[in-house]
Amino acid sequence: MERAQLTPLTPTRPRRAVALAAGLTVTAALIAGCDSVSGIPGDDPAPAGTTTATTAATTTTPTATQAIAPGEPAPTGATTPLPADAPQVGAVPGATDAVTAVRRWAADLQTATIADLQDKCWTIPPRTVAGMYADPQAILAALSQPGTATADTVTWRNRTTTVTVERESVATGYACGRVFAAGVEPGYDEADARHTVRRYLARATGKPLNSADIETTRPLTCKASPTTWDPQGTGNPTAPPLTGDSAKVGNVTSYAGDELRSDQVRGDYLAVHVPVTTSPGGTRMRTFTVVPTAEGYCIGDVTI
């Protein structure tokens, strides 16, 4: 996998993304710093079936992080017994399932390669995985502490490291953590925004990054309610336009997966731009407007 080069943080990143990047470890900053530069070749890997190829690993193989779609068998990681040497994870009141799901990931963290972890943790941008998981022992030390839970996330922390997992991932039986330096507010950055759009377009072409990446269990579009959509700051929020017209993007046949770039619209809203080919219609630049939520970025609109 191509090594990232250190570049300055751009001033257009959303507030939560800046907090995320500011406190990462040195290795994570090297990775995230490069990935924060919008539109660079190889910014994030394009999945199979897109119009361009990249050097980073793709994530097309079903893995243990899958959500269980109707009619599909349960994912392997959620049904196989925990390895005998799986690391201990601190108890979380009211969230026993989170402990089990995270232990499965922690067992892989001890032995798997970064490429394997990128494959299993396909909801997280691959370069983010490489940066966040660069120090497994620090992660395991944090996981050994008692955890806390909210409606959306479960978190473990010690004096140096914070590890958080989304409840959505816990429900699959295999939960990949997001890792931050102690004191940094967990959140999402522009790489996450671009990865959300990449996943959305991969689904649209019929070649999702993972066979379990479907809207019913892994929603990528913003919810219609409550009506808080207001990227231009008009003071008159509405429902996200995409919820009322899911066909706005058109009949997607391919997209330039290594040409995604992003910039700030207003506040936490971001615009992600990518060349998309539709039939009929040809290739045009599409702009996806996204906003961070407790579960990650969601897509609220798409324009030409």
C-alpha atoms as a PDB file:
ATOM      1  CA  MET A   1       0.000   0.000   0.000  1.00  0.00           C
ATOM      2  CA  GLU A   2       1.354   3.405  -0.947  1.00  0.00           C
ATOM      3  CA  ARG A   3       2.679   5.423   1.943  1.00  0.00           C
ATOM      4  CA  ALA A   4       1.070   8.766   2.586  1.00  0.00           C
ATOM      5  CA  GLN A   5       3.104  11.978   2.795  1.00  0.00           C
ATOM      6  CA  LEU A   6       2.555  14.563   5.509  1.00  0.00           C
ATOM      7  CA  THR A   7       0.639  17.631   4.326  1.00  0.00           C
ATOM      8  CA  PRO A   8      -0.893  20.526   6.246  1.00  0.00           C
ATOM      9  CA  LEU A   9      -4.489  20.344   7.365  1.00  0.00           C
ATOM     10  CA  THR A  10      -6.748  22.418   5.155  1.00  0.00           C
ATOM     11  CA  PRO A  11      -8.825  25.199   6.778  1.00  0.00           C
ATOM     12  CA  THR A  12     -11.990  24.038   5.061  1.00  0.00           C
ATOM     13  CA  ARG A  13     -12.462  20.870   7.046  1.00  0.00           C
ATOM     14  CA  PRO A  14     -15.464  20.624   9.380  1.00  0.00           C
ATOM     15  CA  ARG A  15     -14.954  21.382  13.043  1.00  0.00           C
ATOM     16  CA  ARG A  16     -15.323  17.759  14.165  1.00  0.00           C
ATOM     17  CA  ALA A  17     -12.845  16.594  11.533  1.00  0.00           C
ATOM     18  CA  VAL A  18     -10.240  19.092  12.709  1.00  0.00           C
ATOM     19  CA  ALA A  19     -10.616  17.816  16.271  1.00  0.00           C
ATOM     20  CA  LEU A  20     -10.208  14.256  15.026  1.00  0.00           C
ATOM     21  CA  ALA A  21      -7.045  14.925  13.064  1.00  0.00           C
ATOM     22  CA  ALA A  22      -5.404  17.159  15.633  1.00  0.00           C
ATOM     23  CA  GLY A  23      -5.023  14.455  18.242  1.00  0.00           C
ATOM     24  CA  LEU A  24      -4.148  11.368  16.263  1.00  0.00           C
ATOM     25  CA  THR A  25      -0.859   9.603  16.806  1.00  0.00           C
ATOM     26  CA  VAL A  26       2.092  10.585  14.632  1.00  0.00           C
ATOM     27  CA  THR A  27       1.574   7.627  12.339  1.00  0.00           C
ATOM     28  CA  ALA A  28      -2.134   8.300  12.035  1.00  0.00           C
ATOM     29  CA  ALA A  29      -1.455  11.941  11.263  1.00  0.00           C
ATOM     30  CA  LEU A  30       0.824  10.922   8.413  1.00  0.00           C
ATOM     31  CA  ILE A  31      -1.948   8.882   6.882  1.00  0.00           C
ATOM     32  CA  ALA A  32      -4.874  11.212   7.587  1.00  0.00           C
ATOM     33  CA  GLY A  33      -2.863  14.268   6.573  1.00  0.00           C
ATOM     34  CA  CYS A  34      -2.438  12.976   3.058  1.00  0.00           C
ATOM     35  CA  ASP A  35      -5.988  11.770   2.855  1.00  0.00           C
ATOM     36  CA  SER A  36      -7.284  15.193   3.854  1.00  0.00           C
ATOM     37  CA  VAL A  37      -5.970  16.619   0.569  1.00  0.00           C
ATOM     38  CA  SER A  38      -9.004  16.477  -1.663  1.00  0.00           C
ATOM     39  CA  GLY A  39      -8.776  14.886  -5.070  1.00  0.00           C
ATOM     40  CA  ILE A  40      -5.237  13.501  -5.022  1.00  0.00           C
ATOM     41  CA  PRO A  41      -4.666  10.316  -7.061  1.00  0.00           C
ATOM     42  CA  GLY A  42      -5.020   7.311  -4.781  1.00  0.00           C
ATOM     43  CA  ASP A  43      -6.780   9.451  -2.155  1.00  0.00           C
ATOM     44  CA  ASP A  44      -8.789   6.379  -1.224  1.00  0.00           C
ATOM     45  CA  PRO A  45      -8.912   3.113  -3.175  1.00  0.00           C
ATOM     46  CA  ALA A  46     -11.585   2.683  -5.828  1.00  0.00           C
ATOM     47  CA  PRO A  47     -13.592  -0.545  -5.541  1.00  0.00           C
ATOM     48  CA  ALA A  48     -13.631  -3.113  -8.304  1.00  0.00           C
ATOM     49  CA  GLY A  49     -15.783  -2.027 -11.201  1.00  0.00           C
ATOM     50  CA  THR A  50     -15.021   1.691 -11.026  1.00  0.00           C
ATOM     51  CA  THR A  51     -13.458   3.490 -13.958  1.00  0.00           C
ATOM     52  CA  THR A  52      -9.970   3.737 -12.496  1.00  0.00           C
ATOM     53  CA  ALA A  53      -7.598   1.549 -10.513  1.00  0.00           C
ATOM     54  CA  THR A  54      -5.547   2.383  -7.441  1.00  0.00           C
ATOM     55  CA  THR A  55      -2.633   0.832  -5.604  1.00  0.00           C
ATOM     56  CA  ALA A  56      -4.415   0.470  -2.267  1.00  0.00           C
ATOM     57  CA  ALA A  57      -6.257  -2.668  -1.261  1.00  0.00           C
ATOM     58  CA  THR A  58      -9.913  -2.917  -2.202  1.00  0.00           C
ATOM     59  CA  THR A  59     -12.580  -4.466  -0.031  1.00  0.00           C
ATOM     60  CA  THR A  60     -14.778  -6.641  -2.186  1.00  0.00           C
ATOM     61  CA  THR A  61     -14.678  -9.842  -0.158  1.00  0.00           C
ATOM     62  CA  PRO A  62     -17.468 -10.497   2.368  1.00  0.00           C
ATOM     63  CA  THR A  63     -16.030 -10.300   5.853  1.00  0.00           C
ATOM     64  CA  ALA A  64     -16.891 -10.729   9.479  1.00  0.00           C
ATOM     65  CA  THR A  65     -18.082  -7.137   9.751  1.00  0.00           C
ATOM     66  CA  GLN A  66     -21.106  -7.812   7.579  1.00  0.00           C
ATOM     67  CA  ALA A  67     -24.595  -6.931   8.636  1.00  0.00           C
ATOM     68  CA  ILE A  68     -26.970  -9.834   8.021  1.00  0.00           C
ATOM     69  CA  ALA A  69     -29.160  -9.086   5.024  1.00  0.00           C
ATOM     70  CA  PRO A  70     -32.527 -10.838   4.641  1.00  0.00           C
ATOM     71  CA  GLY A  71     -32.007 -14.327   3.275  1.00  0.00           C
ATOM     72  CA  GLU A  72     -28.232 -14.245   3.749  1.00  0.00           C
ATOM     73  CA  PRO A  73     -26.292 -16.492   6.146  1.00  0.00           C
ATOM     74  CA  ALA A  74     -24.823 -14.954   9.253  1.00  0.00           C
ATOM     75  CA  PRO A  75     -21.296 -13.589   8.744  1.00  0.00           C
ATOM     76  CA  THR A  76     -18.458 -15.850   9.795  1.00  0.00           C
ATOM     77  CA  GLY A  77     -17.050 -13.569  12.474  1.00  0.00           C
ATOM     78  CA  ALA A  78     -20.370 -13.355  14.291  1.00  0.00           C
ATOM     79  CA  THR A  79     -20.855 -17.113  14.489  1.00  0.00           C
ATOM     80  CA  THR A  80     -17.396 -18.561  15.040  1.00  0.00           C
ATOM     81  CA  PRO A  81     -16.253 -18.971  18.645  1.00  0.00           C
ATOM     82  CA  LEU A  82     -13.884 -16.415  20.054  1.00  0.00           C
ATOM     83  CA  PRO A  83     -10.230 -17.480  19.826  1.00  0.00           C
ATOM     84  CA  ALA A  84      -8.917 -18.796  23.109  1.00  0.00           C
ATOM     85  CA  ASP A  85      -6.339 -16.020  23.184  1.00  0.00           C
ATOM     86  CA  ALA A  86      -8.731 -13.208  22.267  1.00  0.00           C
ATOM     87  CA  PRO A  87      -7.790 -10.099  24.280  1.00  0.00           C
ATOM     88  CA  GLN A  88      -9.942  -9.209  27.222  1.00  0.00           C
ATOM     89  CA  VAL A  89     -12.172  -6.178  26.728  1.00  0.00           C
ATOM     90  CA  GLY A  90     -13.468  -4.146  29.645  1.00  0.00           C
ATOM     91  CA  ALA A  91     -17.086  -4.673  30.639  1.00  0.00           C
ATOM     92  CA  VAL A  92     -19.699  -2.172  29.492  1.00  0.00           C
ATOM     93  CA  PRO A  93     -22.870  -1.898  31.599  1.00  0.00           C
ATOM     94  CA  GLY A  94     -25.841  -2.739  29.418  1.00  0.00           C
ATOM     95  CA  ALA A  95     -23.728  -3.592  26.356  1.00  0.00           C
ATOM     96  CA  THR A  96     -22.455  -7.147  26.704  1.00  0.00           C
ATOM     97  CA  ASP A  97     -22.852  -7.645  22.964  1.00  0.00           C
ATOM     98  CA  ALA A  98     -20.366  -4.831  22.350  1.00  0.00           C
ATOM     99  CA  VAL A  99     -17.689  -6.585  24.395  1.00  0.00           C
ATOM    100  CA  THR A 100     -18.040  -9.776  22.359  1.00  0.00           C
ATOM    101  CA  ALA A 101     -18.086  -7.953  19.013  1.00  0.00           C
ATOM    102  CA  VAL A 102     -15.007  -5.904  19.893  1.00  0.00           C
ATOM    103  CA  ARG A 103     -13.101  -8.940  21.184  1.00  0.00           C
ATOM    104  CA  ARG A 104     -13.435 -10.525  17.735  1.00  0.00           C
ATOM    105  CA  TRP A 105     -11.873  -7.435  16.184  1.00  0.00           C
ATOM    106  CA  ALA A 106      -9.227  -7.242  18.928  1.00  0.00           C
ATOM    107  CA  ALA A 107      -8.208 -10.839  18.247  1.00  0.00           C
ATOM    108  CA  ASP A 108      -7.553  -9.922  14.610  1.00  0.00           C
ATOM    109  CA  LEU A 109      -5.779  -6.759  15.675  1.00  0.00           C
ATOM    110  CA  GLN A 110      -3.164  -8.948  17.396  1.00  0.00           C
ATOM    111  CA  THR A 111      -2.387 -11.127  14.386  1.00  0.00           C
ATOM    112  CA  ALA A 112      -3.841  -9.769  11.131  1.00  0.00           C
ATOM    113  CA  THR A 113      -2.005  -7.620   8.611  1.00  0.00           C
ATOM    114  CA  ILE A 114      -3.126  -4.069   7.874  1.00  0.00           C
ATOM    115  CA  ALA A 115      -4.421  -5.307   4.508  1.00  0.00           C
ATOM    116  CA  ASP A 116      -6.549  -7.906   6.293  1.00  0.00           C
ATOM    117  CA  LEU A 117      -7.888  -5.290   8.699  1.00  0.00           C
ATOM    118  CA  GLN A 118      -8.693  -2.951   5.810  1.00  0.00           C
ATOM    119  CA  ASP A 119     -10.658  -5.773   4.243  1.00  0.00           C
ATOM    120  CA  LYS A 120     -12.563  -6.566   7.419  1.00  0.00           C
ATOM    121  CA  CYS A 121     -13.145  -2.952   8.424  1.00  0.00           C
ATOM    122  CA  TRP A 122     -14.515  -1.911   5.037  1.00  0.00           C
ATOM    123  CA  THR A 123     -16.807   0.823   6.413  1.00  0.00           C
ATOM    124  CA  ILE A 124     -13.695   2.828   7.396  1.00  0.00           C
ATOM    125  CA  PRO A 125     -11.445   4.408   4.722  1.00  0.00           C
ATOM    126  CA  PRO A 126      -8.463   2.093   4.160  1.00  0.00           C
ATOM    127  CA  ARG A 127      -5.845   4.759   4.848  1.00  0.00           C
ATOM    128  CA  THR A 128      -7.648   5.639   8.059  1.00  0.00           C
ATOM    129  CA  VAL A 129      -7.441   1.991   9.099  1.00  0.00           C
ATOM    130  CA  ALA A 130      -3.704   1.974   8.408  1.00  0.00           C
ATOM    131  CA  GLY A 131      -3.173   5.061  10.534  1.00  0.00           C
ATOM    132  CA  MET A 132      -5.500   4.289  13.411  1.00  0.00           C
ATOM    133  CA  TYR A 133      -4.355   0.684  13.815  1.00  0.00           C
ATOM    134  CA  ALA A 134      -0.626   1.389  13.641  1.00  0.00           C
ATOM    135  CA  ASP A 135      -0.131   0.720  17.385  1.00  0.00           C
ATOM    136  CA  PRO A 136      -2.178  -2.351  18.355  1.00  0.00           C
ATOM    137  CA  GLN A 137      -0.774  -2.526  21.882  1.00  0.00           C
ATOM    138  CA  ALA A 138      -1.980   0.993  22.690  1.00  0.00           C
ATOM    139  CA  ILE A 139      -5.442   0.046  21.431  1.00  0.00           C
ATOM    140  CA  LEU A 140      -5.543  -3.166  23.447  1.00  0.00           C
ATOM    141  CA  ALA A 141      -4.448  -1.317  26.575  1.00  0.00           C
ATOM    142  CA  ALA A 142      -7.370   1.087  26.209  1.00  0.00           C
ATOM    143  CA  LEU A 143      -9.788  -1.765  25.524  1.00  0.00           C
ATOM    144  CA  SER A 144      -8.802  -3.442  28.776  1.00  0.00           C
ATOM    145  CA  GLN A 145     -10.454  -0.604  30.710  1.00  0.00           C
ATOM    146  CA  PRO A 146     -14.177  -0.522  31.595  1.00  0.00           C
ATOM    147  CA  GLY A 147     -16.265   0.927  28.786  1.00  0.00           C
ATOM    148  CA  THR A 148     -19.194   3.304  28.580  1.00  0.00           C
ATOM    149  CA  ALA A 149     -22.142   3.314  26.212  1.00  0.00           C
ATOM    150  CA  THR A 150     -24.480   5.835  24.625  1.00  0.00           C
ATOM    151  CA  ALA A 151     -27.382   5.260  22.257  1.00  0.00           C
ATOM    152  CA  ASP A 152     -25.007   5.414  19.272  1.00  0.00           C
ATOM    153  CA  THR A 153     -21.534   4.354  20.409  1.00  0.00           C
ATOM    154  CA  VAL A 154     -19.542   2.331  22.913  1.00  0.00           C
ATOM    155  CA  THR A 155     -16.222   3.731  24.150  1.00  0.00           C
ATOM    156  CA  TRP A 156     -13.132   2.552  26.021  1.00  0.00           C
ATOM    157  CA  ARG A 157     -10.312   4.863  27.087  1.00  0.00           C
ATOM    158  CA  ASN A 158      -7.195   5.170  29.190  1.00  0.00           C
ATOM    159  CA  ARG A 159      -4.764   8.041  29.745  1.00  0.00           C
ATOM    160  CA  THR A 160      -3.408   7.938  26.186  1.00  0.00           C
ATOM    161  CA  THR A 161      -5.964   6.362  23.876  1.00  0.00           C
ATOM    162  CA  THR A 162      -9.692   6.370  23.163  1.00  0.00           C
ATOM    163  CA  VAL A 163     -11.385   3.587  21.190  1.00  0.00           C
ATOM    164  CA  THR A 164     -14.982   3.908  20.063  1.00  0.00           C
ATOM    165  CA  VAL A 165     -17.285   1.618  18.065  1.00  0.00           C
ATOM    166  CA  GLU A 166     -20.653   2.321  16.507  1.00  0.00           C
ATOM    167  CA  ARG A 167     -23.717   0.445  17.722  1.00  0.00           C
ATOM    168  CA  GLU A 168     -24.478  -0.294  14.066  1.00  0.00           C
ATOM    169  CA  SER A 169     -21.256  -2.326  13.888  1.00  0.00           C
ATOM    170  CA  VAL A 170     -21.852  -3.995  17.242  1.00  0.00           C
ATOM    171  CA  ALA A 171     -25.118  -5.393  15.884  1.00  0.00           C
ATOM    172  CA  THR A 172     -23.181  -7.338  13.213  1.00  0.00           C
ATOM    173  CA  GLY A 173     -21.169  -9.287  15.789  1.00  0.00           C
ATOM    174  CA  TYR A 174     -17.808  -7.870  14.662  1.00  0.00           C
ATOM    175  CA  ALA A 175     -17.062  -4.255  15.549  1.00  0.00           C
ATOM    176  CA  CYS A 176     -14.052  -2.374  14.206  1.00  0.00           C
ATOM    177  CA  GLY A 177     -12.945   0.462  16.455  1.00  0.00           C
ATOM    178  CA  ARG A 178     -11.998   4.031  15.684  1.00  0.00           C
ATOM    179  CA  VAL A 179      -8.917   5.174  17.567  1.00  0.00           C
ATOM    180  CA  PHE A 180      -8.089   8.666  18.863  1.00  0.00           C
ATOM    181  CA  ALA A 181      -5.566  10.229  21.176  1.00  0.00           C
ATOM    182  CA  ALA A 182      -6.914  10.799  24.681  1.00  0.00           C
ATOM    183  CA  GLY A 183      -8.731  14.107  24.956  1.00  0.00           C
ATOM    184  CA  VAL A 184      -9.687  14.239  21.284  1.00  0.00           C
ATOM    185  CA  GLU A 185     -13.400  14.268  20.536  1.00  0.00           C
ATOM    186  CA  PRO A 186     -14.174  11.204  18.405  1.00  0.00           C
ATOM    187  CA  GLY A 187     -15.590  12.182  15.040  1.00  0.00           C
ATOM    188  CA  TYR A 188     -15.348  11.862  11.279  1.00  0.00           C
ATOM    189  CA  ASP A 189     -13.233  13.651   8.686  1.00  0.00           C
ATOM    190  CA  GLU A 190     -13.278  14.342   4.955  1.00  0.00           C
ATOM    191  CA  ALA A 191     -11.887  10.910   4.141  1.00  0.00           C
ATOM    192  CA  ASP A 192     -14.980   9.455   5.809  1.00  0.00           C
ATOM    193  CA  ALA A 193     -17.184  11.767   3.744  1.00  0.00           C
ATOM    194  CA  ARG A 194     -15.570  10.644   0.494  1.00  0.00           C
ATOM    195  CA  HIS A 195     -15.729   7.006   1.554  1.00  0.00           C
ATOM    196  CA  THR A 196     -19.469   7.372   2.179  1.00  0.00           C
ATOM    197  CA  VAL A 197     -19.977   8.629  -1.382  1.00  0.00           C
ATOM    198  CA  ARG A 198     -17.725   5.883  -2.750  1.00  0.00           C
ATOM    199  CA  ARG A 199     -19.811   3.240  -0.984  1.00  0.00           C
ATOM    200  CA  TYR A 200     -23.023   4.821  -2.276  1.00  0.00           C
ATOM    201  CA  LEU A 201     -21.807   4.795  -5.881  1.00  0.00           C
ATOM    202  CA  ALA A 202     -20.388   1.285  -5.577  1.00  0.00           C
ATOM    203  CA  ARG A 203     -23.837   0.108  -4.548  1.00  0.00           C
ATOM    204  CA  ALA A 204     -25.399   2.022  -7.443  1.00  0.00           C
ATOM    205  CA  THR A 205     -23.203   0.153  -9.947  1.00  0.00           C
ATOM    206  CA  GLY A 206     -24.259  -3.153  -8.423  1.00  0.00           C
ATOM    207  CA  LYS A 207     -20.768  -3.792  -7.053  1.00  0.00           C
ATOM    208  CA  PRO A 208     -20.781  -2.743  -3.382  1.00  0.00           C
ATOM    209  CA  LEU A 209     -17.532  -2.760  -1.426  1.00  0.00           C
ATOM    210  CA  ASN A 210     -19.019  -5.626   0.569  1.00  0.00           C
ATOM    211  CA  SER A 211     -22.042  -7.794  -0.186  1.00  0.00           C
ATOM    212  CA  ALA A 212     -23.590  -6.738   3.133  1.00  0.00           C
ATOM    213  CA  ASP A 213     -23.357  -3.028   2.314  1.00  0.00           C
ATOM    214  CA  ILE A 214     -27.046  -2.373   1.728  1.00  0.00           C
ATOM    215  CA  GLU A 215     -29.182   0.602   2.662  1.00  0.00           C
ATOM    216  CA  THR A 216     -31.572  -1.244   4.968  1.00  0.00           C
ATOM    217  CA  THR A 217     -28.828  -2.246   7.385  1.00  0.00           C
ATOM    218  CA  ARG A 218     -26.075   0.261   6.543  1.00  0.00           C
ATOM    219  CA  PRO A 219     -27.928   3.490   5.664  1.00  0.00           C
ATOM    220  CA  LEU A 220     -25.922   6.112   3.770  1.00  0.00           C
ATOM    221  CA  THR A 221     -28.695   8.583   2.938  1.00  0.00           C
ATOM    222  CA  CYS A 222     -29.815  11.125   5.518  1.00  0.00           C
ATOM    223  CA  LYS A 223     -33.095  10.551   7.340  1.00  0.00           C
ATOM    224  CA  ALA A 224     -36.167  12.443   6.209  1.00  0.00           C
ATOM    225  CA  SER A 225     -37.057  13.333   9.792  1.00  0.00           C
ATOM    226  CA  PRO A 226     -36.358  15.456  11.708  1.00  0.00           C
ATOM    227  CA  THR A 227     -36.238  18.154   9.036  1.00  0.00           C
ATOM    228  CA  THR A 228     -32.864  19.730   9.785  1.00  0.00           C
ATOM    229  CA  TRP A 229     -31.362  19.886   6.280  1.00  0.00           C
ATOM    230  CA  ASP A 230     -30.045  23.426   5.664  1.00  0.00           C
ATOM    231  CA  PRO A 231     -26.567  23.449   4.042  1.00  0.00           C
ATOM    232  CA  GLN A 232     -26.968  27.071   2.888  1.00  0.00           C
ATOM    233  CA  GLY A 233     -27.973  28.366   6.320  1.00  0.00           C
ATOM    234  CA  THR A 234     -31.322  29.762   5.207  1.00  0.00           C
ATOM    235  CA  GLY A 235     -32.890  29.269   8.618  1.00  0.00           C
ATOM    236  CA  ASN A 236     -35.649  27.200   6.996  1.00  0.00           C
ATOM    237  CA  PRO A 237     -34.553  23.569   7.290  1.00  0.00           C
ATOM    238  CA  THR A 238     -36.227  20.918   5.153  1.00  0.00           C
ATOM    239  CA  ALA A 239     -36.046  17.191   4.614  1.00  0.00           C
ATOM    240  CA  PRO A 240     -32.911  16.159   2.668  1.00  0.00           C
ATOM    241  CA  PRO A 241     -33.806  16.299  -1.068  1.00  0.00           C
ATOM    242  CA  LEU A 242     -32.398  12.828  -1.732  1.00  0.00           C
ATOM    243  CA  THR A 243     -34.984  11.248   0.573  1.00  0.00           C
ATOM    244  CA  GLY A 244     -37.765  12.348  -1.764  1.00  0.00           C
ATOM    245  CA  ASP A 245     -35.947  11.502  -5.007  1.00  0.00           C
ATOM    246  CA  SER A 246     -33.596   8.577  -4.620  1.00  0.00           C
ATOM    247  CA  ALA A 247     -33.160   8.401  -8.411  1.00  0.00           C
ATOM    248  CA  LYS A 248     -31.502  11.836  -8.653  1.00  0.00           C
ATOM    249  CA  VAL A 249     -28.079  10.338  -9.297  1.00  0.00           C
ATOM    250  CA  GLY A 250     -29.401   8.462 -12.331  1.00  0.00           C
ATOM    251  CA  ASN A 251     -28.599   4.999 -13.673  1.00  0.00           C
ATOM    252  CA  VAL A 252     -24.949   4.782 -12.638  1.00  0.00           C
ATOM    253  CA  THR A 253     -22.736   2.514 -14.742  1.00  0.00           C
ATOM    254  CA  SER A 254     -19.333   3.632 -13.410  1.00  0.00           C
ATOM    255  CA  TYR A 255     -17.553   6.390 -11.538  1.00  0.00           C
ATOM    256  CA  ALA A 256     -13.997   7.690 -11.162  1.00  0.00           C
ATOM    257  CA  GLY A 257     -13.192   6.288  -7.757  1.00  0.00           C
ATOM    258  CA  ASP A 258      -9.738   7.874  -7.531  1.00  0.00           C
ATOM    259  CA  GLU A 259     -10.952  11.345  -8.502  1.00  0.00           C
ATOM    260  CA  LEU A 260     -13.188  12.115  -5.544  1.00  0.00           C
ATOM    261  CA  ARG A 261     -12.501  15.508  -3.981  1.00  0.00           C
ATOM    262  CA  SER A 262     -14.240  17.351  -1.215  1.00  0.00           C
ATOM    263  CA  ASP A 263     -14.665  20.866   0.104  1.00  0.00           C
ATOM    264  CA  GLN A 264     -16.677  22.618   2.773  1.00  0.00           C
ATOM    265  CA  VAL A 265     -20.090  24.073   1.996  1.00  0.00           C
ATOM    266  CA  ARG A 266     -21.032  25.647   5.311  1.00  0.00           C
ATOM    267  CA  GLY A 267     -20.570  24.534   8.901  1.00  0.00           C
ATOM    268  CA  ASP A 268     -20.256  20.761   8.958  1.00  0.00           C
ATOM    269  CA  TYR A 269     -21.725  20.295   5.477  1.00  0.00           C
ATOM    270  CA  LEU A 270     -19.313  19.042   2.807  1.00  0.00           C
ATOM    271  CA  ALA A 271     -19.554  18.733  -0.961  1.00  0.00           C
ATOM    272  CA  VAL A 272     -17.985  15.618  -2.483  1.00  0.00           C
ATOM    273  CA  HIS A 273     -17.358  15.862  -6.230  1.00  0.00           C
ATOM    274  CA  VAL A 274     -16.835  12.848  -8.497  1.00  0.00           C
ATOM    275  CA  PRO A 275     -17.162  12.102 -12.239  1.00  0.00           C
ATOM    276  CA  VAL A 276     -20.097   9.716 -12.688  1.00  0.00           C
ATOM    277  CA  THR A 277     -21.150   7.899 -15.853  1.00  0.00           C
ATOM    278  CA  THR A 278     -24.851   7.175 -16.314  1.00  0.00           C
ATOM    279  CA  SER A 279     -26.850   5.481 -19.039  1.00  0.00           C
ATOM    280  CA  PRO A 280     -28.091   7.393 -20.856  1.00  0.00           C
ATOM    281  CA  GLY A 281     -26.365  10.650 -20.057  1.00  0.00           C
ATOM    282  CA  GLY A 282     -22.647  10.027 -20.354  1.00  0.00           C
ATOM    283  CA  THR A 283     -20.076  11.204 -17.819  1.00  0.00           C
ATOM    284  CA  ARG A 284     -20.677  14.307 -15.736  1.00  0.00           C
ATOM    285  CA  MET A 285     -19.388  15.704 -12.474  1.00  0.00           C
ATOM    286  CA  ARG A 286     -21.826  14.943  -9.679  1.00  0.00           C
ATOM    287  CA  THR A 287     -21.747  16.786  -6.342  1.00  0.00           C
ATOM    288  CA  PHE A 288     -22.945  14.957  -3.247  1.00  0.00           C
ATOM    289  CA  THR A 289     -23.764  17.091  -0.207  1.00  0.00           C
ATOM    290  CA  VAL A 290     -23.085  15.279   3.062  1.00  0.00           C
ATOM    291  CA  VAL A 291     -23.211  16.027   6.766  1.00  0.00           C
ATOM    292  CA  PRO A 292     -21.815  14.143   9.800  1.00  0.00           C
ATOM    293  CA  THR A 293     -24.142  12.334  12.203  1.00  0.00           C
ATOM    294  CA  ALA A 294     -23.499  10.176  15.254  1.00  0.00           C
ATOM    295  CA  GLU A 295     -23.158   7.151  12.924  1.00  0.00           C
ATOM    296  CA  GLY A 296     -20.973   8.805  10.280  1.00  0.00           C
ATOM    297  CA  TYR A 297     -21.622  10.950   7.223  1.00  0.00           C
ATOM    298  CA  CYS A 298     -24.957  10.765   5.427  1.00  0.00           C
ATOM    299  CA  ILE A 299     -25.824  11.938   1.911  1.00  0.00           C
ATOM    300  CA  GLY A 300     -28.652  14.452   1.689  1.00  0.00           C
ATOM    301  CA  ASP A 301     -28.500  15.682  -1.889  1.00  0.00           C
ATOM    302  CA  VAL A 302     -26.820  15.150  -5.251  1.00  0.00           C
ATOM    303  CA  THR A 303     -26.561  17.725  -8.014  1.00  0.00           C
ATOM    304  CA  ILE A 304     -24.975  17.975 -11.453  1.00  0.00           C
END
